[in-house]
Amino acid sequence: MSKGKIRRVIIVLLSYAVGSVIVFLSASVLSRILALPELFPRALLIGLILGVPISITVAWIYPNIGLSGGAQPDEHSVNIPVSESPTED
């Protein structure tokens, strides 16, 4: 494990946490103003929690995403070969 990859995952996790708090607090206020059902903030919280493993996985597989290096996968990630489809003449 490289320190850069771990650092990137930690940065993404902290950014996700801060963004989630802002989204959740904003949605709580807006749900009262717009008279949304009481289930809305709870459903949003569950969705935000379910997004954590997805964001960590993306940050782990693509450690350079958002940087000048582009969105190239890590050299140790799984590569799925793409088969060529037959062309019609």
C-alpha atoms as a PDB file:
ATOM      1  CA  MET A   1       0.000   0.000   0.000  1.00  0.00           C
ATOM      2  CA  SER A   2       1.362   3.360  -0.931  1.00  0.00           C
ATOM      3  CA  LYS A   3       1.124   6.316   1.399  1.00  0.00           C
ATOM      4  CA  GLY A   4      -0.224   8.442  -1.439  1.00  0.00           C
ATOM      5  CA  LYS A   5      -3.159   6.121  -1.992  1.00  0.00           C
ATOM      6  CA  ILE A   6      -4.007   6.008   1.713  1.00  0.00           C
ATOM      7  CA  ARG A   7      -3.681   9.787   1.961  1.00  0.00           C
ATOM      8  CA  ARG A   8      -6.037  10.193  -1.007  1.00  0.00           C
ATOM      9  CA  VAL A   9      -8.639   7.898   0.590  1.00  0.00           C
ATOM     10  CA  ILE A  10      -8.461   9.871   3.839  1.00  0.00           C
ATOM     11  CA  ILE A  11      -8.884  13.167   1.976  1.00  0.00           C
ATOM     12  CA  VAL A  12     -11.900  11.789   0.102  1.00  0.00           C
ATOM     13  CA  LEU A  13     -13.412  10.416   3.314  1.00  0.00           C
ATOM     14  CA  LEU A  14     -13.030  13.729   5.151  1.00  0.00           C
ATOM     15  CA  SER A  15     -14.386  15.683   2.176  1.00  0.00           C
ATOM     16  CA  TYR A  16     -17.342  13.317   1.926  1.00  0.00           C
ATOM     17  CA  ALA A  17     -18.059  13.728   5.636  1.00  0.00           C
ATOM     18  CA  VAL A  18     -18.010  17.530   5.467  1.00  0.00           C
ATOM     19  CA  GLY A  19     -20.132  17.550   2.311  1.00  0.00           C
ATOM     20  CA  SER A  20     -22.601  15.091   3.813  1.00  0.00           C
ATOM     21  CA  VAL A  21     -23.071  17.223   6.920  1.00  0.00           C
ATOM     22  CA  ILE A  22     -23.719  20.300   4.785  1.00  0.00           C
ATOM     23  CA  VAL A  23     -26.179  18.430   2.536  1.00  0.00           C
ATOM     24  CA  PHE A  24     -27.982  16.840   5.489  1.00  0.00           C
ATOM     25  CA  LEU A  25     -28.374  20.089   7.434  1.00  0.00           C
ATOM     26  CA  SER A  26     -29.542  21.943   4.320  1.00  0.00           C
ATOM     27  CA  ALA A  27     -32.025  19.188   3.511  1.00  0.00           C
ATOM     28  CA  SER A  28     -33.377  19.234   7.059  1.00  0.00           C
ATOM     29  CA  VAL A  29     -34.118  22.947   6.834  1.00  0.00           C
ATOM     30  CA  LEU A  30     -35.542  22.684   3.312  1.00  0.00           C
ATOM     31  CA  SER A  31     -37.717  19.705   4.218  1.00  0.00           C
ATOM     32  CA  ARG A  32     -39.449  21.828   6.872  1.00  0.00           C
ATOM     33  CA  ILE A  33     -39.843  24.776   4.508  1.00  0.00           C
ATOM     34  CA  LEU A  34     -41.145  22.634   1.618  1.00  0.00           C
ATOM     35  CA  ALA A  35     -43.277  20.453   3.930  1.00  0.00           C
ATOM     36  CA  LEU A  36     -41.634  17.229   2.786  1.00  0.00           C
ATOM     37  CA  PRO A  37     -42.491  13.992   4.593  1.00  0.00           C
ATOM     38  CA  GLU A  38     -40.735  13.239   7.880  1.00  0.00           C
ATOM     39  CA  LEU A  39     -39.132  10.230   6.216  1.00  0.00           C
ATOM     40  CA  PHE A  40     -37.097  12.427   3.843  1.00  0.00           C
ATOM     41  CA  PRO A  41     -34.167  13.313   6.155  1.00  0.00           C
ATOM     42  CA  ARG A  42     -33.879   9.708   7.307  1.00  0.00           C
ATOM     43  CA  ALA A  43     -33.877   8.419   3.718  1.00  0.00           C
ATOM     44  CA  LEU A  44     -31.267  11.027   2.781  1.00  0.00           C
ATOM     45  CA  LEU A  45     -29.078   9.986   5.706  1.00  0.00           C
ATOM     46  CA  ILE A  46     -29.279   6.337   4.667  1.00  0.00           C
ATOM     47  CA  GLY A  47     -28.337   7.306   1.109  1.00  0.00           C
ATOM     48  CA  LEU A  48     -25.369   9.332   2.321  1.00  0.00           C
ATOM     49  CA  ILE A  49     -24.184   6.446   4.500  1.00  0.00           C
ATOM     50  CA  LEU A  50     -24.492   4.013   1.591  1.00  0.00           C
ATOM     51  CA  GLY A  51     -22.373   6.364  -0.525  1.00  0.00           C
ATOM     52  CA  VAL A  52     -19.354   6.101   1.802  1.00  0.00           C
ATOM     53  CA  PRO A  53     -18.096   2.700   0.578  1.00  0.00           C
ATOM     54  CA  ILE A  54     -18.613   3.761  -3.039  1.00  0.00           C
ATOM     55  CA  SER A  55     -16.542   6.919  -2.621  1.00  0.00           C
ATOM     56  CA  ILE A  56     -13.796   5.051  -0.754  1.00  0.00           C
ATOM     57  CA  THR A  57     -13.656   2.376  -3.463  1.00  0.00           C
ATOM     58  CA  VAL A  58     -13.412   4.953  -6.241  1.00  0.00           C
ATOM     59  CA  ALA A  59     -10.691   6.842  -4.343  1.00  0.00           C
ATOM     60  CA  TRP A  60      -8.756   3.592  -3.839  1.00  0.00           C
ATOM     61  CA  ILE A  61      -8.981   2.392  -7.456  1.00  0.00           C
ATOM     62  CA  TYR A  62      -8.458   5.815  -9.044  1.00  0.00           C
ATOM     63  CA  PRO A  63      -6.033   7.633  -6.716  1.00  0.00           C
ATOM     64  CA  ASN A  64      -5.228  10.306  -9.327  1.00  0.00           C
ATOM     65  CA  ILE A  65      -8.793  11.306 -10.176  1.00  0.00           C
ATOM     66  CA  GLY A  66      -9.220  15.043  -9.892  1.00  0.00           C
ATOM     67  CA  LEU A  67      -5.484  15.611 -10.035  1.00  0.00           C
ATOM     68  CA  SER A  68      -3.399  16.544 -13.048  1.00  0.00           C
ATOM     69  CA  GLY A  69      -2.626  12.846 -13.589  1.00  0.00           C
ATOM     70  CA  GLY A  70      -6.084  12.173 -14.977  1.00  0.00           C
ATOM     71  CA  ALA A  71      -8.415   9.321 -14.120  1.00  0.00           C
ATOM     72  CA  GLN A  72      -6.134   6.395 -14.908  1.00  0.00           C
ATOM     73  CA  PRO A  73      -6.581   3.322 -12.697  1.00  0.00           C
ATOM     74  CA  ASP A  74      -3.770   2.161 -10.468  1.00  0.00           C
ATOM     75  CA  GLU A  75      -1.303  -0.273 -12.037  1.00  0.00           C
ATOM     76  CA  HIS A  76      -2.373  -2.996  -9.584  1.00  0.00           C
ATOM     77  CA  SER A  77      -6.074  -2.807 -10.346  1.00  0.00           C
ATOM     78  CA  VAL A  78      -7.932  -5.488 -12.237  1.00  0.00           C
ATOM     79  CA  ASN A  79      -7.978  -4.986 -15.990  1.00  0.00           C
ATOM     80  CA  ILE A  80     -10.870  -6.489 -17.910  1.00  0.00           C
ATOM     81  CA  PRO A  81      -9.963  -7.163 -21.541  1.00  0.00           C
ATOM     82  CA  VAL A  82     -12.350  -5.804 -24.116  1.00  0.00           C
ATOM     83  CA  SER A  83     -13.033  -8.224 -26.939  1.00  0.00           C
ATOM     84  CA  GLU A  84     -13.377  -6.871 -30.402  1.00  0.00           C
ATOM     85  CA  SER A  85     -16.827  -7.193 -31.879  1.00  0.00           C
ATOM     86  CA  PRO A  86     -17.081  -8.504 -35.414  1.00  0.00           C
ATOM     87  CA  THR A  87     -17.604  -5.803 -37.980  1.00  0.00           C
ATOM     88  CA  GLU A  88     -20.261  -6.075 -40.575  1.00  0.00           C
ATOM     89  CA  ASP A  89     -19.276  -5.342 -44.164  1.00  0.00           C
END
